[in-house]
Amino acid sequence: MNGFPHVLSDDNNIHTLSFPGSRRDSFAPELAYDFFTNHFLTIIEECQFLILDLTGVQMLNSFSLTSIIRCHQMLEGKQGKLAVCGIHSSLLAETFALTRFDKVLHMYQSLSDARKSFG
């Protein structure tokens, strides 16, 4: 179940970026790396509010994590917000904790919790 991430927007101009996959069927790490390397920052240039749903992602490399932090900084610079949700992989959760990104980013358990955070 691998493919390009899906970007959706709602009536409140909140964009949701989700990766194909589930807790059991994950998005391939090499595709995540390619996406964060070549497409992520371009896609979010038009966003002010973004939910990054990592439900289908089991792990990310350092470049991908750096891209997420850059996104957070870019959106805050536009008075926007990045909400990250769906971290169900213990490896990914540990990575966010070790890098302390869980203290910097707006983190939520579920997509619905992330949506609610925008008011």
N, C-alpha and C. Protein backbone atom coordinates (compact mmCIF):
# COMPACT_ATOMS: atom_id res chain seq x y z
N MET A 1 0.83 -1.18 0.00
CA MET A 1 0.00 0.00 0.00
C MET A 1 0.88 1.25 0.00
N ASN A 2 1.85 1.33 -0.88
CA ASN A 2 2.71 2.50 -0.95
C ASN A 2 2.29 3.39 -2.09
N GLY A 3 2.52 4.68 -1.96
CA GLY A 3 2.20 5.66 -2.97
C GLY A 3 2.54 7.03 -2.45
N PHE A 4 2.14 8.02 -3.19
CA PHE A 4 2.43 9.40 -2.81
C PHE A 4 1.48 9.84 -1.71
N PRO A 5 1.95 10.62 -0.75
CA PRO A 5 1.05 11.11 0.31
C PRO A 5 -0.11 11.91 -0.26
N HIS A 6 -1.21 11.93 0.47
CA HIS A 6 -2.41 12.65 0.06
C HIS A 6 -2.47 14.00 0.77
N VAL A 7 -2.80 15.04 0.02
CA VAL A 7 -2.98 16.37 0.60
C VAL A 7 -4.42 16.77 0.38
N LEU A 8 -5.11 17.06 1.46
CA LEU A 8 -6.50 17.50 1.40
C LEU A 8 -6.62 18.83 2.11
N SER A 9 -7.57 19.66 1.68
CA SER A 9 -7.83 20.90 2.41
C SER A 9 -9.31 20.98 2.70
N ASP A 10 -9.63 21.68 3.79
CA ASP A 10 -11.04 21.82 4.17
C ASP A 10 -11.47 23.27 4.00
N ASP A 11 -12.70 23.57 4.39
CA ASP A 11 -13.26 24.91 4.21
C ASP A 11 -12.55 25.97 5.05
N ASN A 12 -11.83 25.57 6.07
CA ASN A 12 -11.13 26.52 6.93
C ASN A 12 -9.68 26.71 6.52
N ASN A 13 -9.32 26.25 5.32
CA ASN A 13 -7.95 26.35 4.80
C ASN A 13 -6.94 25.58 5.64
N ILE A 14 -7.40 24.51 6.26
CA ILE A 14 -6.51 23.61 6.98
C ILE A 14 -6.20 22.44 6.05
N HIS A 15 -4.93 22.27 5.76
CA HIS A 15 -4.51 21.19 4.88
C HIS A 15 -4.11 19.98 5.73
N THR A 16 -4.45 18.81 5.24
CA THR A 16 -4.07 17.57 5.90
C THR A 16 -3.21 16.76 4.95
N LEU A 17 -2.03 16.40 5.39
CA LEU A 17 -1.12 15.57 4.62
C LEU A 17 -1.06 14.22 5.30
N SER A 18 -1.52 13.19 4.61
CA SER A 18 -1.50 11.85 5.19
C SER A 18 -0.80 10.88 4.25
N PHE A 19 -0.21 9.89 4.83
CA PHE A 19 0.54 8.89 4.08
C PHE A 19 -0.29 7.62 3.95
N PRO A 20 -0.27 7.00 2.77
CA PRO A 20 -0.99 5.73 2.62
C PRO A 20 -0.44 4.70 3.59
N GLY A 21 -1.29 3.92 4.14
CA GLY A 21 -0.86 2.88 5.07
C GLY A 21 -1.69 2.93 6.33
N SER A 22 -1.38 2.02 7.21
CA SER A 22 -2.07 1.93 8.49
C SER A 22 -1.04 1.54 9.53
N ARG A 23 -1.51 1.26 10.71
CA ARG A 23 -0.57 0.83 11.76
C ARG A 23 0.13 -0.47 11.39
N ARG A 24 -0.53 -1.31 10.61
CA ARG A 24 0.06 -2.60 10.24
C ARG A 24 0.74 -2.58 8.88
N ASP A 25 0.28 -1.74 7.97
CA ASP A 25 0.80 -1.67 6.61
C ASP A 25 1.40 -0.29 6.40
N SER A 26 2.71 -0.18 6.59
CA SER A 26 3.32 1.14 6.65
C SER A 26 3.79 1.65 5.30
N PHE A 27 3.94 2.96 5.24
CA PHE A 27 4.49 3.66 4.09
C PHE A 27 5.98 3.37 4.06
N ALA A 28 6.51 3.00 2.91
CA ALA A 28 7.91 2.60 2.79
C ALA A 28 8.86 3.74 3.18
N PRO A 29 9.84 3.46 4.03
CA PRO A 29 10.77 4.51 4.49
C PRO A 29 11.47 5.24 3.34
N GLU A 30 11.83 4.53 2.28
CA GLU A 30 12.52 5.19 1.16
C GLU A 30 11.59 6.15 0.42
N LEU A 31 10.30 5.85 0.39
CA LEU A 31 9.34 6.78 -0.22
C LEU A 31 9.14 8.01 0.67
N ALA A 32 9.13 7.80 1.98
CA ALA A 32 9.03 8.94 2.90
C ALA A 32 10.25 9.84 2.74
N TYR A 33 11.42 9.25 2.66
CA TYR A 33 12.65 10.03 2.46
C TYR A 33 12.56 10.83 1.17
N ASP A 34 12.16 10.19 0.07
CA ASP A 34 12.03 10.87 -1.21
C ASP A 34 11.02 12.01 -1.12
N PHE A 35 9.90 11.76 -0.47
CA PHE A 35 8.89 12.80 -0.34
C PHE A 35 9.41 14.01 0.44
N PHE A 36 9.99 13.76 1.61
CA PHE A 36 10.48 14.87 2.43
C PHE A 36 11.67 15.58 1.77
N THR A 37 12.47 14.87 0.99
CA THR A 37 13.61 15.46 0.30
C THR A 37 13.18 16.32 -0.88
N ASN A 38 12.23 15.83 -1.66
CA ASN A 38 11.94 16.46 -2.94
C ASN A 38 10.60 17.20 -3.06
N HIS A 39 9.67 16.98 -2.15
CA HIS A 39 8.33 17.51 -2.37
C HIS A 39 7.73 18.27 -1.19
N PHE A 40 8.07 17.91 0.01
CA PHE A 40 7.37 18.38 1.20
C PHE A 40 7.35 19.91 1.32
N LEU A 41 8.51 20.55 1.30
CA LEU A 41 8.56 21.99 1.51
C LEU A 41 7.90 22.75 0.37
N THR A 42 7.91 22.21 -0.83
CA THR A 42 7.21 22.82 -1.96
C THR A 42 5.71 22.77 -1.75
N ILE A 43 5.21 21.64 -1.30
CA ILE A 43 3.77 21.48 -1.07
C ILE A 43 3.27 22.43 0.01
N ILE A 44 4.03 22.60 1.05
CA ILE A 44 3.54 23.39 2.18
C ILE A 44 3.72 24.89 1.98
N GLU A 45 4.37 25.32 0.91
CA GLU A 45 4.56 26.75 0.67
C GLU A 45 3.23 27.50 0.63
N GLU A 46 2.19 26.87 0.12
CA GLU A 46 0.88 27.51 -0.01
C GLU A 46 0.03 27.36 1.26
N CYS A 47 0.50 26.61 2.23
CA CYS A 47 -0.28 26.34 3.44
C CYS A 47 0.00 27.38 4.52
N GLN A 48 -0.99 27.58 5.36
CA GLN A 48 -0.78 28.32 6.59
C GLN A 48 -1.05 27.42 7.78
N PHE A 49 -1.98 26.49 7.60
CA PHE A 49 -2.34 25.54 8.64
C PHE A 49 -2.23 24.13 8.07
N LEU A 50 -1.46 23.27 8.73
CA LEU A 50 -1.21 21.94 8.20
C LEU A 50 -1.29 20.90 9.31
N ILE A 51 -1.97 19.81 9.00
CA ILE A 51 -1.94 18.62 9.86
C ILE A 51 -1.11 17.59 9.13
N LEU A 52 -0.07 17.11 9.78
CA LEU A 52 0.79 16.06 9.24
C LEU A 52 0.42 14.77 9.95
N ASP A 53 -0.31 13.91 9.25
CA ASP A 53 -0.78 12.64 9.81
C ASP A 53 0.22 11.55 9.46
N LEU A 54 0.94 11.08 10.46
CA LEU A 54 1.99 10.07 10.26
C LEU A 54 1.53 8.65 10.59
N THR A 55 0.24 8.42 10.54
CA THR A 55 -0.29 7.10 10.88
C THR A 55 0.36 5.98 10.07
N GLY A 56 0.59 6.19 8.79
CA GLY A 56 1.16 5.14 7.94
C GLY A 56 2.67 5.11 7.91
N VAL A 57 3.32 5.87 8.80
CA VAL A 57 4.79 5.97 8.79
C VAL A 57 5.36 5.27 10.02
N GLN A 58 6.32 4.39 9.81
CA GLN A 58 6.93 3.66 10.93
C GLN A 58 8.23 4.31 11.40
N MET A 59 8.96 4.96 10.47
CA MET A 59 10.21 5.62 10.86
C MET A 59 10.55 6.70 9.85
N LEU A 60 11.34 7.67 10.30
CA LEU A 60 11.80 8.76 9.45
C LEU A 60 13.30 8.96 9.69
N ASN A 61 13.99 9.38 8.65
CA ASN A 61 15.42 9.66 8.82
C ASN A 61 15.61 11.11 9.26
N SER A 62 16.85 11.48 9.52
CA SER A 62 17.13 12.81 10.06
C SER A 62 16.75 13.92 9.09
N PHE A 63 16.90 13.69 7.79
CA PHE A 63 16.53 14.73 6.83
C PHE A 63 15.02 14.98 6.86
N SER A 64 14.26 13.92 6.97
CA SER A 64 12.80 14.04 7.04
C SER A 64 12.39 14.82 8.30
N LEU A 65 13.04 14.50 9.41
CA LEU A 65 12.75 15.21 10.66
C LEU A 65 13.12 16.69 10.56
N THR A 66 14.23 16.98 9.92
CA THR A 66 14.64 18.37 9.72
C THR A 66 13.62 19.11 8.86
N SER A 67 13.09 18.44 7.85
CA SER A 67 12.07 19.06 6.99
C SER A 67 10.81 19.38 7.79
N ILE A 68 10.45 18.52 8.73
CA ILE A 68 9.27 18.76 9.56
C ILE A 68 9.49 19.99 10.44
N ILE A 69 10.68 20.12 11.02
CA ILE A 69 10.99 21.29 11.84
C ILE A 69 11.00 22.56 10.98
N ARG A 70 11.55 22.49 9.79
CA ARG A 70 11.54 23.65 8.89
C ARG A 70 10.11 24.04 8.54
N CYS A 71 9.27 23.07 8.32
CA CYS A 71 7.85 23.33 8.05
C CYS A 71 7.22 24.05 9.24
N HIS A 72 7.48 23.55 10.43
CA HIS A 72 6.96 24.17 11.66
C HIS A 72 7.39 25.63 11.72
N GLN A 73 8.64 25.90 11.45
CA GLN A 73 9.17 27.26 11.50
C GLN A 73 8.55 28.14 10.42
N MET A 74 8.41 27.59 9.21
CA MET A 74 7.82 28.35 8.11
C MET A 74 6.37 28.74 8.43
N LEU A 75 5.61 27.79 8.95
CA LEU A 75 4.21 28.07 9.25
C LEU A 75 4.07 29.06 10.40
N GLU A 76 4.88 28.92 11.42
CA GLU A 76 4.84 29.89 12.52
C GLU A 76 5.21 31.29 12.02
N GLY A 77 6.12 31.36 11.05
CA GLY A 77 6.50 32.65 10.47
C GLY A 77 5.35 33.30 9.72
N LYS A 78 4.38 32.51 9.29
CA LYS A 78 3.18 33.01 8.59
C LYS A 78 1.99 33.07 9.55
N GLN A 79 2.25 33.05 10.85
CA GLN A 79 1.20 32.99 11.88
C GLN A 79 0.30 31.78 11.66
N GLY A 80 0.91 30.70 11.21
CA GLY A 80 0.20 29.46 10.98
C GLY A 80 0.54 28.44 12.05
N LYS A 81 0.22 27.19 11.74
CA LYS A 81 0.45 26.13 12.72
C LYS A 81 0.63 24.80 12.00
N LEU A 82 1.53 23.99 12.53
CA LEU A 82 1.70 22.60 12.13
C LEU A 82 1.25 21.73 13.28
N ALA A 83 0.34 20.82 13.01
CA ALA A 83 -0.09 19.83 14.00
C ALA A 83 0.34 18.46 13.49
N VAL A 84 1.01 17.69 14.31
CA VAL A 84 1.48 16.36 13.94
C VAL A 84 0.66 15.34 14.72
N CYS A 85 0.17 14.32 14.01
CA CYS A 85 -0.62 13.29 14.69
C CYS A 85 -0.32 11.92 14.10
N GLY A 86 -0.86 10.91 14.74
CA GLY A 86 -0.78 9.55 14.22
C GLY A 86 0.55 8.86 14.42
N ILE A 87 1.28 9.23 15.44
CA ILE A 87 2.56 8.55 15.71
C ILE A 87 2.25 7.32 16.55
N HIS A 88 2.06 6.20 15.87
CA HIS A 88 1.71 4.95 16.53
C HIS A 88 2.87 3.97 16.57
N SER A 89 3.90 4.24 15.80
CA SER A 89 5.10 3.40 15.79
C SER A 89 5.95 3.74 17.01
N SER A 90 6.32 2.74 17.78
CA SER A 90 7.16 2.99 18.96
C SER A 90 8.52 3.56 18.54
N LEU A 91 9.05 3.13 17.41
CA LEU A 91 10.32 3.65 16.92
C LEU A 91 10.20 5.14 16.58
N LEU A 92 9.13 5.51 15.93
CA LEU A 92 8.93 6.90 15.57
C LEU A 92 8.67 7.76 16.81
N ALA A 93 7.89 7.25 17.74
CA ALA A 93 7.63 7.97 18.99
C ALA A 93 8.93 8.19 19.76
N GLU A 94 9.77 7.18 19.81
CA GLU A 94 11.05 7.29 20.51
C GLU A 94 11.95 8.32 19.82
N THR A 95 11.93 8.34 18.50
CA THR A 95 12.73 9.30 17.75
C THR A 95 12.30 10.72 18.07
N PHE A 96 10.99 10.97 18.09
CA PHE A 96 10.49 12.30 18.42
C PHE A 96 10.84 12.67 19.86
N ALA A 97 10.82 11.72 20.76
CA ALA A 97 11.17 11.99 22.16
C ALA A 97 12.66 12.27 22.32
N LEU A 98 13.51 11.46 21.69
CA LEU A 98 14.96 11.64 21.80
C LEU A 98 15.43 12.97 21.22
N THR A 99 14.80 13.39 20.14
CA THR A 99 15.16 14.67 19.51
C THR A 99 14.46 15.84 20.18
N ARG A 100 13.56 15.54 21.11
CA ARG A 100 12.75 16.52 21.83
C ARG A 100 11.80 17.28 20.91
N PHE A 101 11.57 16.74 19.73
CA PHE A 101 10.60 17.34 18.82
C PHE A 101 9.20 17.28 19.43
N ASP A 102 8.98 16.29 20.28
CA ASP A 102 7.67 16.19 20.93
C ASP A 102 7.42 17.36 21.88
N LYS A 103 8.47 18.09 22.24
CA LYS A 103 8.34 19.27 23.10
C LYS A 103 8.20 20.55 22.27
N VAL A 104 8.62 20.51 21.01
CA VAL A 104 8.61 21.68 20.14
C VAL A 104 7.35 21.72 19.27
N LEU A 105 6.97 20.57 18.76
CA LEU A 105 5.84 20.49 17.83
C LEU A 105 4.52 20.31 18.57
N HIS A 106 3.44 20.69 17.92
CA HIS A 106 2.09 20.44 18.44
C HIS A 106 1.74 19.00 18.07
N MET A 107 1.73 18.11 19.05
CA MET A 107 1.54 16.67 18.81
C MET A 107 0.18 16.22 19.34
N TYR A 108 -0.49 15.37 18.55
CA TYR A 108 -1.81 14.85 18.91
C TYR A 108 -1.87 13.37 18.59
N GLN A 109 -2.66 12.65 19.37
CA GLN A 109 -2.81 11.21 19.17
C GLN A 109 -3.53 10.87 17.87
N SER A 110 -4.57 11.63 17.56
CA SER A 110 -5.41 11.26 16.42
C SER A 110 -5.63 12.46 15.50
N LEU A 111 -6.09 12.16 14.31
CA LEU A 111 -6.41 13.19 13.34
C LEU A 111 -7.54 14.07 13.86
N SER A 112 -8.53 13.48 14.50
CA SER A 112 -9.64 14.28 15.02
C SER A 112 -9.16 15.24 16.13
N ASP A 113 -8.23 14.79 16.98
CA ASP A 113 -7.68 15.68 18.01
C ASP A 113 -6.91 16.84 17.37
N ALA A 114 -6.15 16.52 16.32
CA ALA A 114 -5.39 17.57 15.62
C ALA A 114 -6.34 18.58 14.99
N ARG A 115 -7.41 18.10 14.37
CA ARG A 115 -8.39 19.02 13.76
C ARG A 115 -9.01 19.93 14.81
N LYS A 116 -9.35 19.35 15.95
CA LYS A 116 -9.97 20.15 17.03
C LYS A 116 -9.04 21.25 17.53
N SER A 117 -7.73 21.03 17.43
CA SER A 117 -6.77 22.01 17.95
C SER A 117 -6.80 23.33 17.18
N PHE A 118 -7.38 23.32 15.99
CA PHE A 118 -7.45 24.54 15.18
C PHE A 118 -8.68 25.37 15.52
N GLY A 119 -9.50 24.86 16.44
CA GLY A 119 -10.65 25.63 16.92
C GLY A 119 -11.88 25.53 16.12
